[in-house]
Amino acid sequence: MIDNSWKDELYKYITGIIQTQKHKLMIINGVPNHFHILIGYRPHQALADLLQDIKGGSSKWINDKKLTRTKFKWQEGYGAFSYSHSHLDRVINYIKTQEEHHKKHTFVEEYKSFLKAYNVEYDERYILREPE
């Protein structure tokens, strides 16, 4: 779980990973059990490799700083969606207002709504789940 006392430092660290890989971070924000990032993505790196860099590097950073009582690790998997330039303001606003949004919708509800909105078929056995 991402604690408010160190989330800004985590986001700065993740920003550094993204910038080091020559992508442009547009916004990052989230809640204790997940976050969203909007990236100006350059195709020189596979998306899976970028996400591995972000997840691997940030979990190592969290564990090296001993920010959690137990070993921290991200849940397997991630969701990645593309947007047209004309929708950027809407996506940025959505990410900015994560705390408010998640007072109404859980992480799993949100994730499933994205899958449905983009007509992505899924099997309930493999859907991301609420952190334990």
C-alpha atoms as a PDB file:
ATOM      1  CA  MET A   1       0.000   0.000   0.000  1.00  0.00           C
ATOM      2  CA  ILE A   2       1.267   3.436  -0.928  1.00  0.00           C
ATOM      3  CA  ASP A   3       1.338   5.662   2.145  1.00  0.00           C
ATOM      4  CA  ASN A   4       0.610   9.380   1.817  1.00  0.00           C
ATOM      5  CA  SER A   5       3.767  10.177   3.812  1.00  0.00           C
ATOM      6  CA  TRP A   6       5.993   8.912   0.971  1.00  0.00           C
ATOM      7  CA  LYS A   7       3.809   8.825  -2.135  1.00  0.00           C
ATOM      8  CA  ASP A   8       5.157  12.135  -3.511  1.00  0.00           C
ATOM      9  CA  GLU A   9       8.734  10.827  -3.253  1.00  0.00           C
ATOM     10  CA  LEU A  10       7.643   7.595  -4.953  1.00  0.00           C
ATOM     11  CA  TYR A  11       6.043   9.555  -7.770  1.00  0.00           C
ATOM     12  CA  LYS A  12       9.236  11.593  -8.204  1.00  0.00           C
ATOM     13  CA  TYR A  13      11.243   8.371  -8.353  1.00  0.00           C
ATOM     14  CA  ILE A  14       8.904   6.907 -10.980  1.00  0.00           C
ATOM     15  CA  THR A  15       9.095  10.179 -12.930  1.00  0.00           C
ATOM     16  CA  GLY A  16      12.874   9.740 -13.012  1.00  0.00           C
ATOM     17  CA  ILE A  17      12.548   6.209 -14.387  1.00  0.00           C
ATOM     18  CA  ILE A  18      10.212   7.397 -17.144  1.00  0.00           C
ATOM     19  CA  GLN A  19      12.420  10.350 -18.070  1.00  0.00           C
ATOM     20  CA  THR A  20      15.582   8.228 -18.039  1.00  0.00           C
ATOM     21  CA  GLN A  21      13.917   6.003 -20.624  1.00  0.00           C
ATOM     22  CA  LYS A  22      13.236   9.121 -22.769  1.00  0.00           C
ATOM     23  CA  HIS A  23       9.457   9.144 -22.346  1.00  0.00           C
ATOM     24  CA  LYS A  24       7.487  12.182 -21.169  1.00  0.00           C
ATOM     25  CA  LEU A  25       5.518  11.967 -17.941  1.00  0.00           C
ATOM     26  CA  MET A  26       2.396  14.074 -18.240  1.00  0.00           C
ATOM     27  CA  ILE A  27       0.766  13.260 -14.874  1.00  0.00           C
ATOM     28  CA  ILE A  28       0.942  10.697 -12.102  1.00  0.00           C
ATOM     29  CA  ASN A  29      -1.512  10.316  -9.216  1.00  0.00           C
ATOM     30  CA  GLY A  30      -3.338   7.635  -7.338  1.00  0.00           C
ATOM     31  CA  VAL A  31      -4.633   6.207  -4.112  1.00  0.00           C
ATOM     32  CA  PRO A  32      -3.084   3.805  -1.589  1.00  0.00           C
ATOM     33  CA  ASN A  33      -3.683   0.663  -3.664  1.00  0.00           C
ATOM     34  CA  HIS A  34      -2.832   1.855  -7.191  1.00  0.00           C
ATOM     35  CA  PHE A  35      -1.852   4.801  -9.320  1.00  0.00           C
ATOM     36  CA  HIS A  36      -2.318   6.074 -12.865  1.00  0.00           C
ATOM     37  CA  ILE A  37       0.332   7.537 -15.107  1.00  0.00           C
ATOM     38  CA  LEU A  38      -0.155   9.345 -18.384  1.00  0.00           C
ATOM     39  CA  ILE A  39       2.930   9.120 -20.521  1.00  0.00           C
ATOM     40  CA  GLY A  40       3.943  10.655 -23.797  1.00  0.00           C
ATOM     41  CA  TYR A  41       5.221   7.247 -24.920  1.00  0.00           C
ATOM     42  CA  ARG A  42       8.024   6.887 -27.444  1.00  0.00           C
ATOM     43  CA  PRO A  43       8.046   3.552 -29.285  1.00  0.00           C
ATOM     44  CA  HIS A  44      11.793   2.919 -28.905  1.00  0.00           C
ATOM     45  CA  GLN A  45      11.050   0.751 -25.849  1.00  0.00           C
ATOM     46  CA  ALA A  46       8.479  -2.004 -25.488  1.00  0.00           C
ATOM     47  CA  LEU A  47       5.690  -0.983 -23.136  1.00  0.00           C
ATOM     48  CA  ALA A  48       6.179  -4.181 -21.115  1.00  0.00           C
ATOM     49  CA  ASP A  49       9.848  -3.266 -20.613  1.00  0.00           C
ATOM     50  CA  LEU A  50       8.970   0.245 -19.460  1.00  0.00           C
ATOM     51  CA  LEU A  51       6.426  -1.119 -16.971  1.00  0.00           C
ATOM     52  CA  GLN A  52       8.981  -3.658 -15.725  1.00  0.00           C
ATOM     53  CA  ASP A  53      11.443  -0.784 -15.182  1.00  0.00           C
ATOM     54  CA  ILE A  54       8.802   1.217 -13.301  1.00  0.00           C
ATOM     55  CA  LYS A  55       7.482  -1.641 -11.177  1.00  0.00           C
ATOM     56  CA  GLY A  56      10.874  -3.260 -10.532  1.00  0.00           C
ATOM     57  CA  GLY A  57      12.710  -0.023  -9.846  1.00  0.00           C
ATOM     58  CA  SER A  58      10.030   1.466  -7.616  1.00  0.00           C
ATOM     59  CA  SER A  59       9.516  -1.703  -5.555  1.00  0.00           C
ATOM     60  CA  LYS A  60      13.286  -1.911  -5.003  1.00  0.00           C
ATOM     61  CA  TRP A  61      13.294   1.768  -3.965  1.00  0.00           C
ATOM     62  CA  ILE A  62      10.432   1.184  -1.501  1.00  0.00           C
ATOM     63  CA  ASN A  63      12.122  -1.903  -0.036  1.00  0.00           C
ATOM     64  CA  ASP A  64      15.594  -0.310   0.158  1.00  0.00           C
ATOM     65  CA  LYS A  65      14.093   2.607   2.104  1.00  0.00           C
ATOM     66  CA  LYS A  66      12.094   0.168   4.291  1.00  0.00           C
ATOM     67  CA  LEU A  67       8.909   2.166   3.772  1.00  0.00           C
ATOM     68  CA  THR A  68       6.644  -0.800   4.490  1.00  0.00           C
ATOM     69  CA  ARG A  69       6.636  -3.321   7.350  1.00  0.00           C
ATOM     70  CA  THR A  70       6.796  -6.262   4.954  1.00  0.00           C
ATOM     71  CA  LYS A  71       8.444  -6.741   1.589  1.00  0.00           C
ATOM     72  CA  PHE A  72       6.678  -4.561  -0.977  1.00  0.00           C
ATOM     73  CA  LYS A  73       5.796  -5.873  -4.424  1.00  0.00           C
ATOM     74  CA  TRP A  74       3.381  -4.746  -7.082  1.00  0.00           C
ATOM     75  CA  GLN A  75       0.579  -7.034  -8.160  1.00  0.00           C
ATOM     76  CA  GLU A  76       1.248  -8.907 -11.395  1.00  0.00           C
ATOM     77  CA  GLY A  77      -0.057  -7.270 -14.509  1.00  0.00           C
ATOM     78  CA  TYR A  78      -1.147  -3.771 -15.444  1.00  0.00           C
ATOM     79  CA  GLY A  79      -3.615  -2.004 -17.656  1.00  0.00           C
ATOM     80  CA  ALA A  80      -2.450   0.177 -20.533  1.00  0.00           C
ATOM     81  CA  PHE A  81      -4.763   2.289 -22.671  1.00  0.00           C
ATOM     82  CA  SER A  82      -4.092   4.764 -25.451  1.00  0.00           C
ATOM     83  CA  TYR A  83      -5.905   8.045 -25.919  1.00  0.00           C
ATOM     84  CA  SER A  84      -6.186  10.531 -28.725  1.00  0.00           C
ATOM     85  CA  HIS A  85      -4.657  13.949 -28.258  1.00  0.00           C
ATOM     86  CA  SER A  86      -8.146  15.475 -28.163  1.00  0.00           C
ATOM     87  CA  HIS A  87      -8.900  13.560 -24.934  1.00  0.00           C
ATOM     88  CA  LEU A  88      -5.745  14.514 -23.016  1.00  0.00           C
ATOM     89  CA  ASP A  89      -7.396  17.213 -20.894  1.00  0.00           C
ATOM     90  CA  ARG A  90     -10.117  14.782 -19.830  1.00  0.00           C
ATOM     91  CA  VAL A  91      -7.603  12.050 -18.957  1.00  0.00           C
ATOM     92  CA  ILE A  92      -5.388  14.482 -17.030  1.00  0.00           C
ATOM     93  CA  ASN A  93      -8.382  15.706 -15.033  1.00  0.00           C
ATOM     94  CA  TYR A  94      -9.422  12.123 -14.322  1.00  0.00           C
ATOM     95  CA  ILE A  95      -5.960  11.294 -12.976  1.00  0.00           C
ATOM     96  CA  LYS A  96      -5.828  14.521 -10.947  1.00  0.00           C
ATOM     97  CA  THR A  97      -9.071  13.615  -9.177  1.00  0.00           C
ATOM     98  CA  GLN A  98      -8.262  10.016  -8.229  1.00  0.00           C
ATOM     99  CA  GLU A  99      -8.916  10.502  -4.512  1.00  0.00           C
ATOM    100  CA  GLU A 100     -12.414  11.848  -5.211  1.00  0.00           C
ATOM    101  CA  HIS A 101     -13.128   9.224  -7.853  1.00  0.00           C
ATOM    102  CA  HIS A 102     -12.252   6.338  -5.532  1.00  0.00           C
ATOM    103  CA  LYS A 103     -14.656   7.487  -2.882  1.00  0.00           C
ATOM    104  CA  LYS A 104     -17.323   6.259  -5.343  1.00  0.00           C
ATOM    105  CA  HIS A 105     -15.662   3.346  -7.199  1.00  0.00           C
ATOM    106  CA  THR A 106     -13.231   0.621  -6.089  1.00  0.00           C
ATOM    107  CA  PHE A 107     -10.088  -0.279  -7.973  1.00  0.00           C
ATOM    108  CA  VAL A 108     -11.656  -3.465  -9.371  1.00  0.00           C
ATOM    109  CA  GLU A 109     -14.847  -1.642 -10.430  1.00  0.00           C
ATOM    110  CA  GLU A 110     -12.737   0.974 -12.184  1.00  0.00           C
ATOM    111  CA  TYR A 111     -10.541  -1.589 -13.927  1.00  0.00           C
ATOM    112  CA  LYS A 112     -13.524  -3.597 -15.164  1.00  0.00           C
ATOM    113  CA  SER A 113     -15.190  -0.404 -16.429  1.00  0.00           C
ATOM    114  CA  PHE A 114     -12.065   0.345 -18.511  1.00  0.00           C
ATOM    115  CA  LEU A 115     -12.077  -3.167 -19.941  1.00  0.00           C
ATOM    116  CA  LYS A 116     -15.761  -2.898 -20.819  1.00  0.00           C
ATOM    117  CA  ALA A 117     -15.403   0.606 -22.276  1.00  0.00           C
ATOM    118  CA  TYR A 118     -12.648  -0.618 -24.597  1.00  0.00           C
ATOM    119  CA  ASN A 119     -14.408  -3.895 -25.439  1.00  0.00           C
ATOM    120  CA  VAL A 120     -11.640  -6.006 -23.920  1.00  0.00           C
ATOM    121  CA  GLU A 121     -12.835  -9.536 -23.239  1.00  0.00           C
ATOM    122  CA  TYR A 122     -11.620 -10.962 -19.936  1.00  0.00           C
ATOM    123  CA  ASP A 123     -11.927 -14.020 -17.737  1.00  0.00           C
ATOM    124  CA  GLU A 124     -12.897 -13.287 -14.121  1.00  0.00           C
ATOM    125  CA  ARG A 125     -10.269 -15.797 -12.941  1.00  0.00           C
ATOM    126  CA  TYR A 126      -7.528 -13.536 -14.256  1.00  0.00           C
ATOM    127  CA  ILE A 127      -8.886 -10.118 -13.407  1.00  0.00           C
ATOM    128  CA  LEU A 128      -6.854  -7.897 -11.154  1.00  0.00           C
ATOM    129  CA  ARG A 129      -8.126  -8.050  -7.610  1.00  0.00           C
ATOM    130  CA  GLU A 130      -8.268  -5.823  -4.571  1.00  0.00           C
ATOM    131  CA  PRO A 131      -4.986  -5.926  -2.622  1.00  0.00           C
ATOM    132  CA  GLU A 132      -5.088  -8.035   0.508  1.00  0.00           C
END
